[in-house]
Amino acid sequence: MGNKGVLTPDICVIGAGSAGLSVAAGAVQMGASVVLVEKGKMGGDCLNTGCVPSKSLLAAAHRALLERQFPDLGVKLSSSVEFARVSEHVKKVIASIEPHDSVERFEGLGVNVVKASAQFISPREIEAGEYKVRARRFVLATGSQPFVPPIDGLKHVPFFTNETIFDLTELPARLIVLGGGPIGCELAQAFRGLGSEVAVVEMNRLLPKDDPELRDVLRQKLIENGVQIFEGVRTQAIVAQASGIEVTVSSNGQAQSIEGSHMLVATGRRPIVHGLGLDYAGIEYSEEGVRVDSGLKTTNRRVYAIGDCVGGLQFTHVAGYHAGVVVRNALFRLPSKASYRTVPWVTYTDPEVAQVGLTEEKAREVYGDNVRVLVSKFEENDRARAEGRNKGLVKVVTSMRGKIYGCGIVGPSAGELIQPWVLAMSNGLKIGSMATMIAPYPTLGEISKRAAGSFYTPTLYGPSTRALVKFLSRFG
């Protein structure tokens, strides 16, 4: 078939993951003409191989772990895992969300969806299948892909990434997970909960971007679950064996072998920047991502880049945030800039680990002695005690005058509990706003109020207050 002609929309979006879909839906509903180009599945990584399937798998695993979690509550549970049905559950959840991200829905909104790969052929034009697209503005939303490290022997053995692990229909007997970041920790706990033997290999520490005090709680829980953890080790070699895979690691000059039936590579992700003709468009990029300014414009002023392809914080909620910034800039010419000061992130293990703003270590690097740390533990929370989920803590970092620098939480529902702290920081509220709110009893949310209130404990119950109370008592 020959070339059908040239499309000239207001906006051409390249990539139909979370970021691209958000721009396309927002722009077309505001009256812009939109072409959306996608060569793969609609919904991108989040729907098909990331957030949705991993949380669906974790939901099944966490329920399977209940039998081992609550022996002191007087309830004995008997559970068995049918992995084929678990896999079917994951697929059903994806299928239930797919219509929201489908070609049909977006065409119904008025978006012209082109199912093809896209490549720039000039600073103002791309080729996509049978079309050339000359748009007023382009939005790169090509996402990211798993990073496969150059480890000796890795390319010669079968392994999974997050893009293929959910295709499993049989439970791995022993899974070796390379990488102890969020993806590695989540899937390690998921497969352990479903019955696999699991070993995690990490050259640094688990969740290296999170506060050490928080990740220690998760580490202990993973060990209690039966996950083997090898931290601070270098992977020397990987070889195929008759029984599966053997990984040789070393630490302090001592070598050790780890055997497994299956391997998951979860060593991070890299932005997708190649094969797009970015050089023809005058767009600067590197292996770390597309170069953008604070308004998410590339070095080609007609082209924006959003989501994972710019590197940095590779989260679905950041992709959605980027989409809003670009819509304001591209459609309304508003000077909107991206700010990451209050972007939260969550690892959805049990316990969950959540963070917004600066950790204690980062705050001390920036502010020196002008730092206070407030801690409240779940074991002091009545709701957590009642439910037998009392492992974890809230750790708040403030200035000496109560400005909130950051908050980290490890414990049940940490991803939900972090949200008031995000709201407080986003609106410039000080610690007093959290300390004086009325929290319903008994809730896990009281733990945040308790942490905030501890900011005032030294003053409220100190010598000056006692002297004042004693003085006022003289007047009846």
Protein backbone atom coordinates (compact mmCIF):
# COMPACT_ATOMS: atom_id res chain seq x y z
CA MET A 1 0.00 0.00 0.00
CA GLY A 2 1.28 3.46 -0.77
CA ASN A 3 1.59 6.45 1.46
CA LYS A 4 -1.87 7.72 2.40
CA GLY A 5 -0.74 11.25 2.94
CA VAL A 6 0.19 13.71 5.60
CA LEU A 7 -1.47 14.22 8.98
CA THR A 8 -1.28 17.71 10.47
CA PRO A 9 -2.60 17.62 14.05
CA ASP A 10 -2.06 20.13 16.79
CA ILE A 11 -0.27 17.47 18.85
CA CYS A 12 1.36 14.17 17.92
CA VAL A 13 2.01 11.87 20.86
CA ILE A 14 4.56 9.07 20.41
CA GLY A 15 3.87 6.27 22.87
CA ALA A 16 0.61 5.06 24.43
CA GLY A 17 1.76 4.36 27.96
CA SER A 18 0.53 6.26 31.01
CA ALA A 19 2.20 9.53 30.02
CA GLY A 20 1.15 9.51 26.37
CA LEU A 21 -2.42 8.46 27.04
CA SER A 22 -2.85 11.22 29.61
CA VAL A 23 -1.68 13.88 27.15
CA ALA A 24 -3.78 12.50 24.30
CA ALA A 25 -6.97 12.27 26.38
CA GLY A 26 -6.51 15.66 28.00
CA ALA A 27 -5.60 17.51 24.81
CA VAL A 28 -8.37 16.09 22.61
CA GLN A 29 -11.03 16.80 25.23
CA MET A 30 -9.81 20.40 25.39
CA GLY A 31 -10.35 20.83 21.67
CA ALA A 32 -6.94 20.00 20.17
CA SER A 33 -6.52 17.63 17.25
CA VAL A 34 -4.36 14.68 18.31
CA VAL A 35 -2.51 11.84 16.60
CA LEU A 36 -1.33 9.05 18.90
CA VAL A 37 1.33 6.67 17.59
CA GLU A 38 1.98 3.32 19.29
CA LYS A 39 3.68 0.24 17.86
CA GLY A 40 2.97 -2.07 20.80
CA LYS A 41 0.21 -2.56 23.35
CA MET A 42 -1.94 0.32 24.48
CA GLY A 43 -1.40 1.09 28.16
CA GLY A 44 2.34 0.57 28.04
CA ASP A 45 4.42 -0.93 30.81
CA CYS A 46 2.17 0.06 33.71
CA LEU A 47 -0.87 -1.84 32.47
CA ASN A 48 0.76 -4.78 30.74
CA THR A 49 4.02 -5.58 32.53
CA GLY A 50 4.39 -3.23 35.49
CA CYS A 51 2.13 -1.76 38.15
CA VAL A 52 -1.08 -3.62 37.38
CA PRO A 53 0.23 -7.21 37.05
CA SER A 54 2.75 -6.87 39.88
CA LYS A 55 0.19 -5.55 42.36
CA SER A 56 -2.28 -8.23 41.27
CA LEU A 57 0.35 -10.91 41.90
CA LEU A 58 1.25 -9.32 45.24
CA ALA A 59 -2.42 -9.31 46.29
CA ALA A 60 -2.55 -13.09 45.87
CA ALA A 61 0.80 -13.58 47.62
CA HIS A 62 -0.12 -11.43 50.61
CA ARG A 63 -3.28 -13.45 51.12
CA ALA A 64 -1.29 -16.67 50.94
CA LEU A 65 1.07 -15.31 53.61
CA LEU A 66 -1.77 -14.63 56.06
CA GLU A 67 -1.49 -18.15 57.48
CA ARG A 68 2.04 -17.42 58.58
CA GLN A 69 1.44 -13.85 59.75
CA PHE A 70 -1.19 -14.05 62.46
CA PRO A 71 -0.68 -17.09 64.71
CA ASP A 72 -1.22 -14.96 67.83
CA LEU A 73 -4.73 -13.85 66.81
CA GLY A 74 -6.20 -17.27 67.52
CA VAL A 75 -7.18 -17.90 63.90
CA LYS A 76 -5.68 -20.77 61.98
CA LEU A 77 -5.90 -20.49 58.22
CA SER A 78 -5.31 -23.21 55.71
CA SER A 79 -4.34 -22.03 52.26
CA SER A 80 -3.07 -23.63 49.10
CA VAL A 81 -1.81 -21.89 45.99
CA GLU A 82 -2.99 -22.78 42.49
CA PHE A 83 -0.50 -20.78 40.46
CA ALA A 84 -2.37 -21.21 37.19
CA ARG A 85 -5.40 -19.52 38.78
CA VAL A 86 -3.18 -16.78 40.20
CA SER A 87 -1.87 -16.14 36.68
CA GLU A 88 -5.45 -16.06 35.43
CA HIS A 89 -6.30 -13.49 38.12
CA VAL A 90 -3.46 -11.26 36.91
CA LYS A 91 -4.69 -11.52 33.32
CA LYS A 92 -8.27 -10.76 34.34
CA VAL A 93 -7.24 -7.59 36.17
CA ILE A 94 -5.31 -6.40 33.11
CA ALA A 95 -8.29 -7.24 30.89
CA SER A 96 -10.66 -5.29 33.15
CA ILE A 97 -8.55 -2.13 32.77
CA GLU A 98 -7.68 -2.54 29.08
CA PRO A 99 -10.90 -0.93 27.74
CA HIS A 100 -9.97 2.35 29.47
CA ASP A 101 -6.68 2.40 27.54
CA SER A 102 -7.95 0.85 24.31
CA VAL A 103 -7.75 2.10 20.73
CA GLU A 104 -11.55 2.10 20.62
CA ARG A 105 -11.89 4.40 23.63
CA PHE A 106 -9.36 6.90 22.33
CA GLU A 107 -10.79 6.91 18.85
CA GLY A 108 -14.16 7.50 20.49
CA LEU A 109 -12.69 10.56 22.17
CA GLY A 110 -11.54 11.82 18.78
CA VAL A 111 -7.89 10.77 18.82
CA ASN A 112 -6.43 9.48 15.54
CA VAL A 113 -4.58 6.33 16.68
CA VAL A 114 -1.82 5.05 14.38
CA LYS A 115 -0.56 1.54 15.21
CA ALA A 116 3.00 1.76 13.95
CA SER A 117 6.53 2.65 14.97
CA ALA A 118 7.49 6.32 14.74
CA GLN A 119 10.69 7.90 13.53
CA PHE A 120 11.63 11.53 13.05
CA ILE A 121 12.76 12.37 9.52
CA SER A 122 13.17 16.10 10.19
CA PRO A 123 12.77 18.54 13.09
CA ARG A 124 9.07 18.92 12.26
CA GLU A 125 8.01 15.57 10.82
CA ILE A 126 7.83 11.86 11.63
CA GLU A 127 7.06 8.77 9.64
CA ALA A 128 4.61 6.31 11.21
CA GLY A 129 3.56 3.38 9.07
CA GLU A 130 1.80 4.70 5.99
CA TYR A 131 1.69 8.25 7.28
CA LYS A 132 3.83 11.29 7.65
CA VAL A 133 2.87 13.46 10.58
CA ARG A 134 3.60 17.20 10.68
CA ALA A 135 2.36 18.39 14.03
CA ARG A 136 2.40 21.78 15.68
CA ARG A 137 3.88 20.05 18.73
CA PHE A 138 5.24 16.56 19.37
CA VAL A 139 5.28 14.71 22.69
CA LEU A 140 7.77 11.88 23.21
CA ALA A 141 6.37 9.35 25.67
CA THR A 142 8.29 6.23 24.69
CA GLY A 143 8.81 4.90 28.21
CA SER A 144 11.59 2.63 29.42
CA GLN A 145 12.73 -0.97 29.19
CA PRO A 146 14.53 -3.40 31.52
CA PHE A 147 18.26 -2.88 31.89
CA VAL A 148 20.24 -6.08 31.46
CA PRO A 149 23.67 -5.68 33.12
CA PRO A 150 26.85 -6.93 31.41
CA ILE A 151 27.41 -9.87 33.76
CA ASP A 152 29.57 -12.72 32.52
CA GLY A 153 27.33 -15.50 31.22
CA LEU A 154 23.98 -13.75 31.69
CA LYS A 155 23.14 -13.61 28.00
CA HIS A 156 23.75 -17.35 27.69
CA VAL A 157 21.13 -18.44 30.21
CA PRO A 158 17.35 -18.06 30.14
CA PHE A 159 16.05 -15.26 32.34
CA PHE A 160 12.93 -13.22 32.93
CA THR A 161 12.41 -9.48 33.29
CA ASN A 162 9.28 -7.70 34.51
CA GLU A 163 8.14 -7.75 30.86
CA THR A 164 8.10 -11.56 30.70
CA ILE A 165 7.77 -12.87 34.28
CA PHE A 166 3.98 -12.55 34.25
CA ASP A 167 3.75 -15.02 31.35
CA LEU A 168 4.70 -17.84 33.75
CA THR A 169 1.99 -20.47 34.18
CA GLU A 170 3.97 -22.71 36.55
CA LEU A 171 5.45 -21.62 39.85
CA PRO A 172 9.28 -21.50 39.85
CA ALA A 173 10.81 -23.98 42.28
CA ARG A 174 13.65 -21.62 43.20
CA LEU A 175 13.79 -18.08 41.84
CA ILE A 176 16.99 -16.03 41.83
CA VAL A 177 16.26 -12.30 41.70
CA LEU A 178 19.08 -10.08 40.46
CA GLY A 179 18.43 -6.64 41.95
CA GLY A 180 17.06 -5.50 45.29
CA GLY A 181 15.25 -2.36 44.21
CA PRO A 182 11.45 -1.92 44.33
CA ILE A 183 10.73 -4.37 41.49
CA GLY A 184 13.11 -6.99 42.88
CA CYS A 185 11.76 -6.74 46.43
CA GLU A 186 8.12 -6.80 45.38
CA LEU A 187 8.43 -9.81 43.11
CA ALA A 188 10.74 -11.65 45.51
CA GLN A 189 8.12 -11.42 48.25
CA ALA A 190 5.32 -12.24 45.82
CA PHE A 191 6.87 -15.48 44.59
CA ARG A 192 7.98 -16.46 48.08
CA GLY A 193 4.44 -15.96 49.33
CA LEU A 194 3.11 -18.14 46.52
CA GLY A 195 5.49 -20.95 47.43
CA SER A 196 8.78 -20.48 45.55
CA GLU A 197 12.13 -20.58 47.24
CA VAL A 198 13.64 -17.14 46.56
CA ALA A 199 17.10 -15.57 46.74
CA VAL A 200 17.77 -11.86 46.14
CA VAL A 201 21.20 -10.74 44.93
CA GLU A 202 22.00 -7.02 45.32
CA MET A 203 25.39 -5.34 44.85
CA ASN A 204 24.40 -2.42 47.07
CA ARG A 205 21.67 -2.58 49.71
CA LEU A 206 17.97 -3.29 49.39
CA LEU A 207 16.03 -0.18 48.32
CA PRO A 208 19.21 1.94 48.14
CA LYS A 209 17.27 5.22 47.70
CA ASP A 210 15.25 4.75 50.88
CA ASP A 211 16.11 5.54 54.50
CA PRO A 212 18.26 2.75 56.06
CA GLU A 213 16.04 2.61 59.14
CA LEU A 214 12.99 1.96 56.96
CA ARG A 215 14.54 -0.63 54.69
CA ASP A 216 15.89 -2.54 57.70
CA VAL A 217 12.28 -3.25 58.72
CA LEU A 218 11.49 -4.62 55.27
CA ARG A 219 14.71 -6.65 55.18
CA GLN A 220 13.78 -8.34 58.44
CA LYS A 221 10.29 -9.14 57.15
CA LEU A 222 11.65 -10.66 53.94
CA ILE A 223 14.00 -12.84 55.99
CA GLU A 224 11.06 -13.91 58.19
CA ASN A 225 9.18 -14.80 54.99
CA GLY A 226 12.08 -17.09 54.07
CA VAL A 227 13.71 -14.97 51.36
CA GLN A 228 17.50 -15.36 51.19
CA ILE A 229 19.21 -11.99 50.83
CA PHE A 230 22.73 -11.45 49.50
CA GLU A 231 23.61 -7.76 49.85
CA GLY A 232 26.85 -5.96 49.06
CA VAL A 233 27.99 -8.70 46.71
CA ARG A 234 29.43 -8.67 43.21
CA THR A 235 28.01 -11.10 40.68
CA GLN A 236 31.00 -12.76 39.06
CA ALA A 237 29.46 -15.30 36.73
CA ILE A 238 26.22 -16.97 35.71
CA VAL A 239 26.16 -20.43 34.14
CA ALA A 240 23.51 -22.89 33.05
CA GLN A 241 23.29 -26.15 34.97
CA ALA A 242 21.33 -29.33 34.38
CA SER A 243 19.02 -28.31 37.22
CA GLY A 244 18.75 -24.68 36.19
CA ILE A 245 21.07 -21.73 36.84
CA GLU A 246 24.09 -21.14 39.07
CA VAL A 247 25.14 -17.64 40.11
CA THR A 248 28.57 -17.02 41.64
CA VAL A 249 28.84 -13.98 43.88
CA SER A 250 31.74 -12.61 45.89
CA SER A 251 32.06 -10.43 48.98
CA ASN A 252 35.29 -9.51 50.77
CA GLY A 253 37.19 -11.94 48.58
CA GLN A 254 34.92 -14.88 49.42
CA ALA A 255 33.05 -16.58 46.57
CA GLN A 256 29.68 -18.27 47.00
CA SER A 257 27.37 -20.15 44.64
CA ILE A 258 23.59 -19.71 44.48
CA GLU A 259 21.51 -22.23 42.56
CA GLY A 260 18.07 -21.69 41.13
CA SER A 261 15.56 -23.05 38.65
CA HIS A 262 14.61 -19.63 37.24
CA MET A 263 16.10 -16.14 37.18
CA LEU A 264 14.51 -12.68 37.25
CA VAL A 265 16.65 -9.71 36.20
CA ALA A 266 15.39 -6.64 38.08
CA THR A 267 18.43 -4.38 37.93
CA GLY A 268 16.66 -1.22 36.86
CA ARG A 269 15.25 0.31 33.71
CA ARG A 270 16.64 2.43 30.90
CA PRO A 271 14.82 5.10 28.85
CA ILE A 272 13.85 4.15 25.31
CA VAL A 273 15.69 6.67 23.12
CA HIS A 274 17.07 4.64 20.21
CA GLY A 275 15.42 3.97 16.87
CA LEU A 276 13.37 7.17 17.00
CA GLY A 277 15.44 9.34 14.67
CA LEU A 278 16.09 11.85 17.44
CA ASP A 279 19.28 13.00 15.74
CA TYR A 280 17.28 14.04 12.66
CA ALA A 281 15.05 16.13 14.91
CA GLY A 282 17.89 17.89 16.71
CA ILE A 283 16.94 16.29 20.03
CA GLU A 284 19.76 15.70 22.50
CA TYR A 285 19.71 12.47 24.48
CA SER A 286 21.91 9.94 26.24
CA GLU A 287 21.55 6.48 27.73
CA GLU A 288 20.12 8.26 30.81
CA GLY A 289 17.26 9.78 28.84
CA VAL A 290 16.11 12.65 26.64
CA ARG A 291 17.41 16.04 27.69
CA VAL A 292 14.60 18.40 28.75
CA ASP A 293 14.31 21.77 30.45
CA SER A 294 12.14 22.54 33.48
CA GLY A 295 9.10 22.82 31.19
CA LEU A 296 9.86 19.38 29.67
CA LYS A 297 10.87 20.81 26.29
CA THR A 298 13.65 19.03 24.44
CA THR A 299 16.42 20.80 22.52
CA ASN A 300 13.92 20.89 19.64
CA ARG A 301 11.49 23.55 20.88
CA ARG A 302 8.56 21.88 19.10
CA VAL A 303 9.07 18.59 20.94
CA TYR A 304 8.35 17.72 24.58
CA ALA A 305 9.48 14.55 26.35
CA ILE A 306 7.66 13.08 29.34
CA GLY A 307 7.53 10.01 31.54
CA ASP A 308 10.22 7.35 31.78
CA CYS A 309 12.03 8.41 28.60
CA VAL A 310 13.48 11.46 30.36
CA GLY A 311 15.01 9.31 33.13
CA GLY A 312 14.89 10.38 36.75
CA LEU A 313 11.83 9.32 38.75
CA GLN A 314 10.28 6.56 36.65
CA PHE A 315 6.82 6.27 38.19
CA THR A 316 3.36 6.21 36.67
CA HIS A 317 2.23 9.10 38.84
CA VAL A 318 5.20 11.17 37.63
CA ALA A 319 4.20 10.37 34.05
CA GLY A 320 0.71 11.67 34.78
CA TYR A 321 2.16 14.79 36.40
CA HIS A 322 4.38 15.38 33.35
CA ALA A 323 1.31 15.11 31.13
CA GLY A 324 -0.39 17.96 32.99
CA VAL A 325 2.69 20.16 32.69
CA VAL A 326 2.91 19.59 28.94
CA VAL A 327 -0.80 20.19 28.30
CA ARG A 328 -0.58 23.53 30.10
CA ASN A 329 2.54 24.50 28.15
CA ALA A 330 1.57 23.21 24.71
CA LEU A 331 -2.11 24.22 24.63
CA PHE A 332 -2.32 27.27 26.87
CA ARG A 333 1.25 28.61 26.59
CA LEU A 334 1.42 28.83 30.37
CA PRO A 335 4.94 28.88 31.87
CA SER A 336 4.44 25.59 33.71
CA LYS A 337 7.51 23.89 35.17
CA ALA A 338 8.01 20.43 36.61
CA SER A 339 8.96 20.26 40.29
CA TYR A 340 9.89 17.03 42.01
CA ARG A 341 10.17 18.27 45.60
CA THR A 342 6.99 16.54 46.75
CA VAL A 343 6.86 13.47 44.51
CA PRO A 344 6.20 10.39 46.66
CA TRP A 345 7.26 6.84 45.91
CA VAL A 346 6.10 3.54 47.37
CA THR A 347 7.38 -0.04 47.36
CA TYR A 348 4.33 -2.28 47.67
CA THR A 349 5.80 -5.04 49.76
CA ASP A 350 4.45 -6.09 53.16
CA PRO A 351 5.26 -3.87 54.98
CA GLU A 352 5.03 -1.11 52.41
CA VAL A 353 7.81 1.48 52.22
CA ALA A 354 6.86 5.06 51.29
CA GLN A 355 8.81 8.30 51.04
CA VAL A 356 8.22 11.93 50.13
CA GLY A 357 10.81 14.68 50.21
CA LEU A 358 14.23 14.28 51.81
CA THR A 359 15.45 11.38 53.88
CA GLU A 360 17.33 12.17 57.10
CA GLU A 361 20.67 11.62 55.37
CA LYS A 362 19.85 13.93 52.46
CA ALA A 363 18.40 16.59 54.76
CA ARG A 364 21.57 16.68 56.85
CA GLU A 365 23.66 17.00 53.68
CA VAL A 366 21.59 20.03 52.63
CA TYR A 367 20.68 21.71 55.94
CA GLY A 368 23.39 20.56 58.35
CA ASP A 369 22.37 21.05 61.98
CA ASN A 370 19.03 22.64 61.08
CA VAL A 371 17.34 19.23 61.16
CA ARG A 372 15.01 17.51 63.60
CA VAL A 373 13.93 13.89 63.29
CA LEU A 374 10.55 12.78 64.65
CA VAL A 375 9.79 9.08 64.99
CA SER A 376 6.61 7.22 65.89
CA LYS A 377 6.42 3.42 65.83
CA PHE A 378 3.49 1.26 64.81
CA GLU A 379 3.88 -0.73 68.03
CA GLU A 380 2.64 2.42 69.81
CA ASN A 381 -0.50 2.60 67.63
CA ASP A 382 -3.61 0.93 69.05
CA ARG A 383 -5.09 -0.03 65.68
CA ALA A 384 -1.84 -1.67 64.61
CA ARG A 385 -1.73 -3.58 67.90
CA ALA A 386 -5.33 -4.75 67.51
CA GLU A 387 -4.66 -6.06 64.01
CA GLY A 388 -1.30 -7.66 64.82
CA ARG A 389 0.45 -5.44 62.26
CA ASN A 390 2.70 -3.44 64.54
CA LYS A 391 6.08 -3.61 62.79
CA GLY A 392 7.25 -0.33 61.29
CA LEU A 393 7.59 3.37 61.91
CA VAL A 394 6.96 6.89 60.66
CA LYS A 395 10.05 9.06 60.35
CA VAL A 396 9.54 12.78 59.77
CA VAL A 397 12.38 15.19 58.99
CA THR A 398 11.84 18.89 59.76
CA SER A 399 13.74 22.10 60.33
CA MET A 400 14.26 23.34 63.89
CA ARG A 401 11.28 25.68 63.29
CA GLY A 402 8.94 22.99 61.98
CA LYS A 403 9.27 23.15 58.19
CA ILE A 404 8.69 19.67 56.80
CA TYR A 405 11.63 18.44 54.72
CA GLY A 406 10.39 14.91 54.21
CA CYS A 407 8.63 11.87 55.59
CA GLY A 408 9.30 8.15 55.31
CA ILE A 409 6.99 5.37 56.43
CA VAL A 410 7.48 1.62 56.63
CA GLY A 411 4.47 -0.35 57.77
CA PRO A 412 0.94 -1.41 56.81
CA SER A 413 -0.72 0.92 54.27
CA ALA A 414 2.33 3.19 54.12
CA GLY A 415 1.33 4.21 50.59
CA GLU A 416 -1.94 5.56 51.93
CA LEU A 417 -0.47 7.08 55.10
CA ILE A 418 2.13 9.08 53.16
CA GLN A 419 -0.50 11.09 51.30
CA PRO A 420 -1.32 13.66 54.04
CA TRP A 421 2.40 14.39 54.23
CA VAL A 422 2.48 14.95 50.46
CA LEU A 423 -0.45 17.35 50.81
CA ALA A 424 1.21 19.18 53.70
CA MET A 425 4.51 19.63 51.85
CA SER A 426 2.81 20.58 48.57
CA ASN A 427 0.95 23.39 50.34
CA GLY A 428 3.81 24.58 52.52
CA LEU A 429 2.17 23.50 55.78
CA LYS A 430 4.39 23.25 58.84
CA ILE A 431 4.49 20.43 61.35
CA GLY A 432 1.89 22.13 63.55
CA SER A 433 -0.80 21.51 60.95
CA MET A 434 -0.27 17.76 61.23
CA ALA A 435 0.04 17.88 65.02
CA THR A 436 -3.27 19.71 65.54
CA MET A 437 -5.47 17.75 63.12
CA ILE A 438 -8.12 15.52 64.66
CA ALA A 439 -7.52 11.88 63.73
CA PRO A 440 -10.29 9.34 64.27
CA TYR A 441 -9.58 6.64 66.86
CA PRO A 442 -8.48 3.95 66.38
CA THR A 443 -6.80 4.37 63.00
CA LEU A 444 -3.35 3.80 61.61
CA GLY A 445 -3.40 7.48 60.62
CA GLU A 446 -2.98 8.47 64.27
CA ILE A 447 0.65 7.49 63.94
CA SER A 448 1.32 10.56 61.77
CA LYS A 449 -0.34 12.86 64.29
CA ARG A 450 1.72 11.26 67.07
CA ALA A 451 4.95 11.78 65.15
CA ALA A 452 4.06 15.41 64.42
CA GLY A 453 3.06 16.05 68.02
CA SER A 454 6.42 14.85 69.28
CA PHE A 455 7.91 18.01 67.76
CA TYR A 456 6.41 19.94 70.67
CA THR A 457 7.07 17.41 73.45
CA PRO A 458 10.35 18.92 74.73
CA THR A 459 8.72 22.35 75.06
CA LEU A 460 5.25 21.28 76.19
CA TYR A 461 6.49 19.04 78.98
CA GLY A 462 9.68 20.91 79.79
CA PRO A 463 10.70 22.94 82.86
CA SER A 464 9.34 26.23 81.50
CA THR A 465 5.84 24.83 81.06
CA ARG A 466 5.85 23.26 84.51
CA ALA A 467 6.99 26.54 86.05
CA LEU A 468 4.23 28.42 84.23
CA VAL A 469 1.55 25.98 85.37
CA LYS A 470 2.79 26.22 88.96
CA PHE A 471 2.79 30.02 88.79
CA LEU A 472 -0.75 30.21 87.38
CA SER A 473 -2.05 27.81 90.04
CA ARG A 474 -1.42 30.49 92.67
CA PHE A 475 -4.29 32.52 91.29
CA GLY A 476 -6.90 29.86 91.99
